[in-house]
Structure formats: structure tokens, C-alpha cells
């Protein structure tokens, strides 16, 4: 797995919370934080995800 996109599917929860996440990429390290369905990781570089951090933030 090279990249992930995470979002809150429940519309009522999505009105109240935002989901922030970042990943640790093979040979690169930690990426910057992204949120609400944005891509975290790489695409087309064959670099695996090694870890993920996720935070649920109240809006």
C-alpha cells in the first residue's frame, strides 16, 4: 500500500469533526498532515506505508 485517503462517512459526524492523518513512507519518513479525504503517501513510486497517525479534531 502506497497511499491512503480517510474521510468521515457519517454526514452528522462530519459536520462536527475533521479527521487529520499522516503516514510514514519507506525511505522518506513522515509526511505532512492532511485531512478529510486528501491523499497521504506516494503514488507510482513503489514506496510502502510503514505507519499511520490519525487524529479526530472537533471543528
N, C-alpha and C. Protein backbone atom coordinates (compact mmCIF):
# COMPACT_ATOMS: atom_id res chain seq x y z
N UNK A 1 0.85 -1.16 0.00
CA UNK A 1 0.00 0.00 0.00
C UNK A 1 0.90 1.24 0.00
N UNK A 2 0.66 2.14 -0.94
CA UNK A 2 1.47 3.35 -1.08
C UNK A 2 0.83 4.58 -0.47
N UNK A 3 -0.49 4.65 -0.49
CA UNK A 3 -1.17 5.87 -0.05
C UNK A 3 -2.55 5.53 0.50
N UNK A 4 -3.08 6.45 1.31
CA UNK A 4 -4.43 6.29 1.85
C UNK A 4 -5.18 7.61 1.77
N UNK A 5 -6.49 7.50 1.76
CA UNK A 5 -7.39 8.64 1.88
C UNK A 5 -8.42 8.25 2.93
N UNK A 6 -8.59 9.08 3.93
CA UNK A 6 -9.51 8.78 5.03
C UNK A 6 -10.52 9.91 5.14
N UNK A 7 -11.78 9.53 5.28
CA UNK A 7 -12.81 10.55 5.47
C UNK A 7 -13.87 10.01 6.41
N UNK A 8 -14.64 10.90 6.98
CA UNK A 8 -15.76 10.53 7.85
C UNK A 8 -16.99 10.38 6.96
N UNK A 9 -17.57 9.21 6.96
CA UNK A 9 -18.72 8.93 6.08
C UNK A 9 -20.04 9.42 6.65
N UNK A 10 -20.17 9.42 7.94
CA UNK A 10 -21.41 9.86 8.59
C UNK A 10 -21.51 11.38 8.47
N UNK A 11 -22.52 11.88 7.78
CA UNK A 11 -22.62 13.32 7.50
C UNK A 11 -22.80 14.16 8.77
N UNK A 12 -23.50 13.64 9.75
CA UNK A 12 -23.68 14.38 11.00
C UNK A 12 -22.35 14.51 11.75
N UNK A 13 -21.58 13.42 11.80
CA UNK A 13 -20.27 13.49 12.45
C UNK A 13 -19.31 14.38 11.67
N UNK A 14 -19.39 14.33 10.35
CA UNK A 14 -18.50 15.14 9.51
C UNK A 14 -18.76 16.64 9.70
N UNK A 15 -19.96 17.00 10.11
CA UNK A 15 -20.26 18.41 10.40
C UNK A 15 -19.56 18.88 11.67
N UNK A 16 -19.30 17.94 12.58
CA UNK A 16 -18.74 18.28 13.89
C UNK A 16 -17.25 18.01 14.00
N UNK A 17 -16.74 17.09 13.18
CA UNK A 17 -15.35 16.66 13.32
C UNK A 17 -14.63 16.65 11.97
N UNK A 18 -13.33 16.80 12.05
CA UNK A 18 -12.45 16.67 10.90
C UNK A 18 -11.43 15.58 11.24
N UNK A 19 -11.04 14.77 10.27
CA UNK A 19 -10.06 13.72 10.52
C UNK A 19 -8.73 14.12 9.87
N UNK A 20 -7.68 14.16 10.68
CA UNK A 20 -6.34 14.55 10.22
C UNK A 20 -5.44 13.32 10.33
N UNK A 21 -4.55 13.14 9.37
CA UNK A 21 -3.70 11.95 9.38
C UNK A 21 -2.42 12.20 8.60
N UNK A 22 -1.40 11.43 8.94
CA UNK A 22 -0.13 11.46 8.21
C UNK A 22 0.42 10.05 8.19
N UNK A 23 1.33 9.79 7.28
CA UNK A 23 1.89 8.45 7.14
C UNK A 23 3.41 8.51 7.14
N UNK A 24 4.01 7.39 7.50
CA UNK A 24 5.46 7.23 7.41
C UNK A 24 5.71 6.40 6.16
N UNK A 25 6.49 6.95 5.22
CA UNK A 25 6.73 6.32 3.93
C UNK A 25 8.15 5.73 3.90
N UNK A 26 8.27 4.54 3.36
CA UNK A 26 9.56 3.86 3.22
C UNK A 26 10.59 4.78 2.58
N UNK A 27 11.73 4.96 3.25
CA UNK A 27 12.84 5.73 2.70
C UNK A 27 12.64 7.24 2.69
N UNK A 28 11.48 7.71 3.12
CA UNK A 28 11.18 9.15 3.10
C UNK A 28 10.95 9.68 4.51
N UNK A 29 10.17 8.96 5.30
CA UNK A 29 9.83 9.40 6.65
C UNK A 29 8.39 9.89 6.72
N UNK A 30 8.13 10.70 7.75
CA UNK A 30 6.77 11.19 7.98
C UNK A 30 6.41 12.26 6.96
N UNK A 31 5.19 12.16 6.45
CA UNK A 31 4.66 13.19 5.56
C UNK A 31 4.05 14.30 6.41
N UNK A 32 3.64 15.37 5.79
CA UNK A 32 2.89 16.39 6.50
C UNK A 32 1.48 15.91 6.76
N UNK A 33 0.79 16.61 7.65
CA UNK A 33 -0.59 16.25 7.97
C UNK A 33 -1.51 16.63 6.82
N UNK A 34 -2.48 15.76 6.52
CA UNK A 34 -3.54 16.04 5.55
C UNK A 34 -4.87 15.77 6.26
N UNK A 35 -5.98 16.09 5.59
CA UNK A 35 -7.27 15.92 6.28
C UNK A 35 -8.40 15.60 5.31
N UNK A 36 -9.43 14.96 5.85
CA UNK A 36 -10.73 14.80 5.20
C UNK A 36 -10.68 14.33 3.75
N UNK A 37 -10.07 13.18 3.51
CA UNK A 37 -10.08 12.59 2.17
C UNK A 37 -8.91 12.94 1.28
N UNK A 38 -7.99 13.77 1.76
CA UNK A 38 -6.80 14.08 0.97
C UNK A 38 -5.87 12.87 0.95
N UNK A 39 -5.00 12.79 -0.05
CA UNK A 39 -4.08 11.66 -0.19
C UNK A 39 -2.88 11.85 0.73
N UNK A 40 -2.56 10.80 1.49
CA UNK A 40 -1.35 10.76 2.31
C UNK A 40 -0.50 9.61 1.80
N UNK A 41 0.75 9.89 1.46
CA UNK A 41 1.65 8.87 0.94
C UNK A 41 2.11 9.23 -0.45
N UNK A 42 2.55 8.22 -1.19
CA UNK A 42 3.04 8.43 -2.56
C UNK A 42 2.19 7.61 -3.52
N UNK A 43 2.24 7.95 -4.78
CA UNK A 43 1.58 7.14 -5.80
C UNK A 43 2.56 6.92 -6.94
N UNK A 44 2.67 5.67 -7.38
CA UNK A 44 3.53 5.33 -8.50
C UNK A 44 5.01 5.27 -8.20
N UNK A 45 5.39 5.30 -6.92
CA UNK A 45 6.81 5.27 -6.56
C UNK A 45 7.23 3.96 -5.90
N UNK A 46 6.29 3.06 -5.69
CA UNK A 46 6.55 1.77 -5.05
C UNK A 46 7.18 1.92 -3.67
N UNK A 47 6.74 2.92 -2.92
CA UNK A 47 7.21 3.13 -1.54
C UNK A 47 6.07 2.75 -0.61
N UNK A 48 6.32 1.80 0.27
CA UNK A 48 5.25 1.31 1.14
C UNK A 48 4.99 2.26 2.32
N UNK A 49 3.75 2.21 2.81
CA UNK A 49 3.41 2.89 4.06
C UNK A 49 3.90 2.01 5.20
N UNK A 50 4.56 2.62 6.17
CA UNK A 50 5.09 1.86 7.29
C UNK A 50 4.36 2.15 8.60
N UNK A 51 3.68 3.28 8.67
CA UNK A 51 2.92 3.64 9.87
C UNK A 51 1.92 4.74 9.50
N UNK A 52 0.94 4.93 10.38
CA UNK A 52 -0.04 6.00 10.17
C UNK A 52 -0.42 6.58 11.53
N UNK A 53 -0.61 7.89 11.57
CA UNK A 53 -1.12 8.57 12.76
C UNK A 53 -2.43 9.24 12.35
N UNK A 54 -3.43 9.13 13.22
CA UNK A 54 -4.76 9.67 12.92
C UNK A 54 -5.24 10.47 14.13
N UNK A 55 -5.80 11.66 13.87
CA UNK A 55 -6.38 12.50 14.92
C UNK A 55 -7.78 12.91 14.50
N UNK A 56 -8.72 12.85 15.42
CA UNK A 56 -10.07 13.34 15.20
C UNK A 56 -10.16 14.70 15.88
N UNK A 57 -10.44 15.75 15.10
CA UNK A 57 -10.41 17.12 15.59
C UNK A 57 -11.82 17.70 15.56
N UNK A 58 -12.24 18.26 16.69
CA UNK A 58 -13.55 18.92 16.74
C UNK A 58 -13.47 20.24 15.99
N UNK A 59 -14.47 20.52 15.14
CA UNK A 59 -14.49 21.76 14.35
C UNK A 59 -14.92 22.93 15.20
